């Protein structure tokens, strides 16, 4: 209800978030801008530009079901089986965080995981489990009911090791009858990974098929 209600969330098949922020994944904070378009559990398009060493580097990652591609500058590469599996897992976690699919009691098991403090405010957690996927923990502000933190295990691109990724969500605004976060902070194993703010959020009832085509 806090996010707009089941009917409002079910109405939209996909989301595009335009953002600006800072990427910390390689140590120094690098300015970045871009957009992420997501549809369901296995379709995602990440289109960003990172500023490093006086240059602007375009990075494009597309996931389309069992296929995926990455393009850094002009170098296009097809994702291998393991890379596709990891991309799908992270897309799934993002899909769970939209809350809409959780009505499917046959697919998801939801259990409480206790109360924590997020930005000094009480938040109640639930663990979302689904066969074939890693668990995703969702934490909701006790007063407002809004999603303020997600937590899941992901594989780090640099090391290939699994790490704990926490995403902190804040500054909600109403978008097309739903509540959407406008600010995000992501940490991996407790260390800053990326942070930023949305410069635009658009929800779609239907997405152009070409959105997730091979670059």
Protein backbone atom coordinates (compact mmCIF):
# COMPACT_ATOMS: atom_id res chain seq x y z
CA UNK A 1 0.00 0.00 0.00
CA UNK A 2 2.82 2.40 0.84
CA UNK A 3 4.21 2.00 -2.69
CA UNK A 4 0.88 2.59 -4.41
CA UNK A 5 -0.96 -0.71 -4.02
CA UNK A 6 -0.89 -4.01 -5.90
CA UNK A 7 -3.05 -2.80 -8.80
CA UNK A 8 -0.82 0.21 -9.49
CA UNK A 9 2.37 -1.89 -9.31
CA UNK A 10 0.93 -4.64 -11.52
CA UNK A 11 0.06 -2.12 -14.22
CA UNK A 12 3.66 -1.59 -15.29
CA UNK A 13 5.88 -4.12 -17.07
CA UNK A 14 9.07 -2.11 -16.96
CA UNK A 15 10.93 0.87 -15.55
CA UNK A 16 13.59 3.26 -16.79
CA UNK A 17 15.62 5.19 -14.25
CA UNK A 18 17.98 7.94 -15.40
CA UNK A 19 20.60 8.85 -12.82
CA UNK A 20 23.83 10.61 -11.98
CA UNK A 21 26.25 9.62 -9.27
CA UNK A 22 29.63 8.22 -8.30
CA UNK A 23 31.13 4.77 -8.88
CA UNK A 24 33.52 3.56 -6.15
CA UNK A 25 33.99 -0.02 -7.36
CA UNK A 26 37.62 0.50 -8.43
CA UNK A 27 38.70 2.60 -5.46
CA UNK A 28 38.59 6.24 -6.49
CA UNK A 29 35.16 7.78 -6.87
CA UNK A 30 34.43 8.15 -10.60
CA UNK A 31 31.59 10.40 -11.82
CA UNK A 32 28.92 8.54 -13.78
CA UNK A 33 25.63 9.20 -15.54
CA UNK A 34 23.27 6.86 -17.30
CA UNK A 35 20.09 4.87 -17.24
CA UNK A 36 18.84 1.44 -16.27
CA UNK A 37 15.82 -0.13 -17.96
CA UNK A 38 14.42 -3.30 -16.43
CA UNK A 39 11.50 -5.57 -17.29
CA UNK A 40 10.69 -8.66 -15.24
CA UNK A 41 13.27 -11.03 -13.80
CA UNK A 42 15.54 -11.45 -16.83
CA UNK A 43 15.57 -8.35 -19.01
CA UNK A 44 17.79 -5.39 -18.24
CA UNK A 45 19.66 -2.66 -20.10
CA UNK A 46 22.35 -0.69 -18.27
CA UNK A 47 23.66 2.25 -20.29
CA UNK A 48 26.18 4.43 -18.45
CA UNK A 49 29.11 6.78 -18.98
CA UNK A 50 31.99 6.85 -16.50
CA UNK A 51 34.55 9.65 -16.37
CA UNK A 52 38.09 8.35 -15.75
CA UNK A 53 41.51 9.80 -16.56
CA UNK A 54 40.03 12.75 -18.38
CA UNK A 55 38.00 10.49 -20.65
CA UNK A 56 34.34 9.56 -20.83
CA UNK A 57 33.93 5.80 -21.18
CA UNK A 58 30.58 4.46 -22.39
CA UNK A 59 29.52 1.11 -20.92
CA UNK A 60 26.51 -0.86 -22.11
CA UNK A 61 25.28 -4.14 -20.62
CA UNK A 62 22.20 -5.85 -22.04
CA UNK A 63 20.47 -8.92 -20.62
CA UNK A 64 17.75 -10.56 -22.71
CA UNK A 65 16.68 -13.82 -21.10
CA UNK A 66 19.39 -16.43 -21.71
CA UNK A 67 21.55 -14.08 -23.78
CA UNK A 68 23.55 -11.01 -22.88
CA UNK A 69 26.18 -8.60 -24.17
CA UNK A 70 28.57 -6.00 -22.84
CA UNK A 71 30.06 -3.12 -24.79
CA UNK A 72 32.85 -1.03 -23.29
CA UNK A 73 33.73 1.88 -25.59
CA UNK A 74 33.64 0.12 -29.00
CA UNK A 75 34.44 -3.42 -27.82
CA UNK A 76 31.38 -5.66 -27.99
CA UNK A 77 31.43 -8.99 -26.16
CA UNK A 78 28.81 -11.71 -25.75
CA UNK A 79 28.37 -12.73 -22.12
CA UNK A 80 29.31 -16.32 -21.35
CA UNK A 81 27.05 -18.75 -19.50
CA UNK A 82 28.29 -17.79 -16.03
CA UNK A 83 28.10 -14.07 -16.77
CA UNK A 84 24.52 -14.42 -18.02
CA UNK A 85 23.60 -16.41 -14.91
CA UNK A 86 24.99 -13.68 -12.65
CA UNK A 87 23.31 -10.91 -14.64
CA UNK A 88 20.00 -12.77 -14.37
CA UNK A 89 20.47 -13.19 -10.62
CA UNK A 90 21.03 -9.47 -10.13
CA UNK A 91 18.11 -8.60 -12.41
CA UNK A 92 15.94 -11.00 -10.38
CA UNK A 93 16.90 -9.22 -7.14
CA UNK A 94 15.93 -5.89 -8.70
CA UNK A 95 12.62 -7.36 -9.85
CA UNK A 96 11.86 -8.65 -6.35
CA UNK A 97 12.53 -5.15 -5.00
CA UNK A 98 9.71 -3.79 -7.21
CA UNK A 99 7.42 -5.75 -4.82
CA UNK A 100 4.76 -6.48 -7.47
CA UNK A 101 5.69 -10.17 -8.03
CA UNK A 102 5.57 -11.07 -4.32
CA UNK A 103 1.84 -11.75 -4.52
CA UNK A 104 2.73 -15.13 -6.11
CA UNK A 105 2.74 -17.36 -3.03
CA UNK A 106 3.58 -20.44 -5.12
CA UNK A 107 6.81 -18.90 -6.38
CA UNK A 108 7.96 -16.97 -3.30
CA UNK A 109 8.36 -17.77 0.37
CA UNK A 110 8.45 -14.74 2.65
CA UNK A 111 9.68 -14.87 6.26
CA UNK A 112 10.43 -12.14 8.78
CA UNK A 113 14.10 -11.48 9.62
CA UNK A 114 13.70 -9.01 12.46
CA UNK A 115 14.12 -5.31 13.00
CA UNK A 116 17.15 -3.11 12.28
CA UNK A 117 17.94 0.60 12.15
CA UNK A 118 18.34 2.26 8.74
CA UNK A 119 19.51 5.87 8.92
CA UNK A 120 18.58 5.81 12.59
CA UNK A 121 14.98 4.73 11.95
CA UNK A 122 13.39 1.37 12.74
CA UNK A 123 12.96 -0.95 9.75
CA UNK A 124 11.31 -4.37 9.63
CA UNK A 125 12.89 -7.04 7.41
CA UNK A 126 11.55 -9.93 5.36
CA UNK A 127 13.52 -12.64 3.54
CA UNK A 128 12.24 -13.50 0.06
CA UNK A 129 13.13 -17.01 -1.10
CA UNK A 130 12.44 -18.64 -4.47
CA UNK A 131 13.72 -21.95 -5.84
CA UNK A 132 16.79 -21.51 -8.02
CA UNK A 133 17.63 -18.03 -6.75
CA UNK A 134 19.60 -16.48 -3.93
CA UNK A 135 17.58 -15.02 -1.08
CA UNK A 136 16.79 -11.29 -1.11
CA UNK A 137 16.20 -9.43 2.16
CA UNK A 138 13.88 -6.42 2.05
CA UNK A 139 13.67 -3.87 4.88
CA UNK A 140 10.70 -1.52 5.22
CA UNK A 141 10.55 1.65 7.27
CA UNK A 142 8.37 0.83 10.27
CA UNK A 143 6.61 4.20 10.20
CA UNK A 144 6.05 4.76 6.46
CA UNK A 145 6.05 1.19 5.08
CA UNK A 146 8.46 2.24 2.32
CA UNK A 147 11.34 0.00 1.20
CA UNK A 148 14.54 1.51 2.61
CA UNK A 149 17.09 -1.29 2.19
CA UNK A 150 17.69 -4.45 0.16
CA UNK A 151 20.38 -7.03 0.79
CA UNK A 152 21.56 -9.94 -1.35
CA UNK A 153 24.67 -11.89 -2.32
CA UNK A 154 26.27 -10.99 -5.65
CA UNK A 155 29.44 -11.98 -7.49
CA UNK A 156 31.99 -9.18 -7.67
CA UNK A 157 33.09 -8.50 -11.26
CA UNK A 158 36.71 -7.87 -10.28
CA UNK A 159 37.33 -10.83 -7.96
CA UNK A 160 34.66 -13.33 -8.96
CA UNK A 161 33.92 -13.83 -5.27
CA UNK A 162 30.47 -13.60 -3.71
CA UNK A 163 29.95 -10.49 -1.58
CA UNK A 164 27.05 -9.01 0.36
CA UNK A 165 25.47 -6.12 -1.47
CA UNK A 166 23.32 -3.64 0.43
CA UNK A 167 21.25 -0.99 -1.32
CA UNK A 168 19.84 1.91 0.67
CA UNK A 169 16.85 3.72 -0.85
CA UNK A 170 15.48 7.12 0.13
CA UNK A 171 13.81 10.36 -0.97
CA UNK A 172 10.68 8.79 -2.39
CA UNK A 173 8.46 10.65 -4.84
CA UNK A 174 5.19 9.77 -6.51
CA UNK A 175 5.59 8.54 -10.09
CA UNK A 176 2.55 7.47 -12.12
CA UNK A 177 0.58 6.49 -9.04
CA UNK A 178 3.47 4.63 -7.36
CA UNK A 179 6.18 5.64 -4.90
CA UNK A 180 9.72 5.48 -6.32
CA UNK A 181 13.08 6.08 -4.63
CA UNK A 182 15.08 9.03 -5.95
CA UNK A 183 18.31 8.41 -4.05
CA UNK A 184 20.42 5.27 -3.71
CA UNK A 185 23.58 4.16 -1.93
CA UNK A 186 25.09 0.73 -2.67
CA UNK A 187 27.69 -0.99 -0.50
CA UNK A 188 29.55 -4.27 -1.03
CA UNK A 189 30.88 -5.98 2.08
CA UNK A 190 30.25 -2.72 3.90
CA UNK A 191 32.36 -0.59 1.56
CA UNK A 192 30.99 2.08 -0.81
CA UNK A 193 30.32 0.71 -4.30
CA UNK A 194 28.15 3.36 -5.92
CA UNK A 195 25.77 6.14 -5.01
CA UNK A 196 23.58 8.58 -6.84
CA UNK A 197 20.24 10.17 -7.44
CA UNK A 198 17.56 9.66 -10.04
CA UNK A 199 17.15 12.48 -12.53
CA UNK A 200 14.08 10.83 -14.01
CA UNK A 201 11.91 7.74 -13.50
CA UNK A 202 9.43 6.44 -16.08
CA UNK A 203 7.20 3.38 -15.81
CA UNK A 204 6.01 1.47 -18.90
CA UNK A 205 3.01 -0.75 -19.48
CA UNK A 206 4.85 -2.13 -22.53
CA UNK A 207 8.47 -1.83 -23.62
CA UNK A 208 9.77 -1.72 -27.18
CA UNK A 209 11.19 -5.17 -28.04
CA UNK A 210 14.32 -3.49 -29.38
CA UNK A 211 15.22 -2.22 -25.92
CA UNK A 212 16.92 -5.53 -25.12
CA UNK A 213 18.26 -6.33 -28.59
CA UNK A 214 21.91 -7.14 -29.25
CA UNK A 215 23.87 -3.83 -29.33
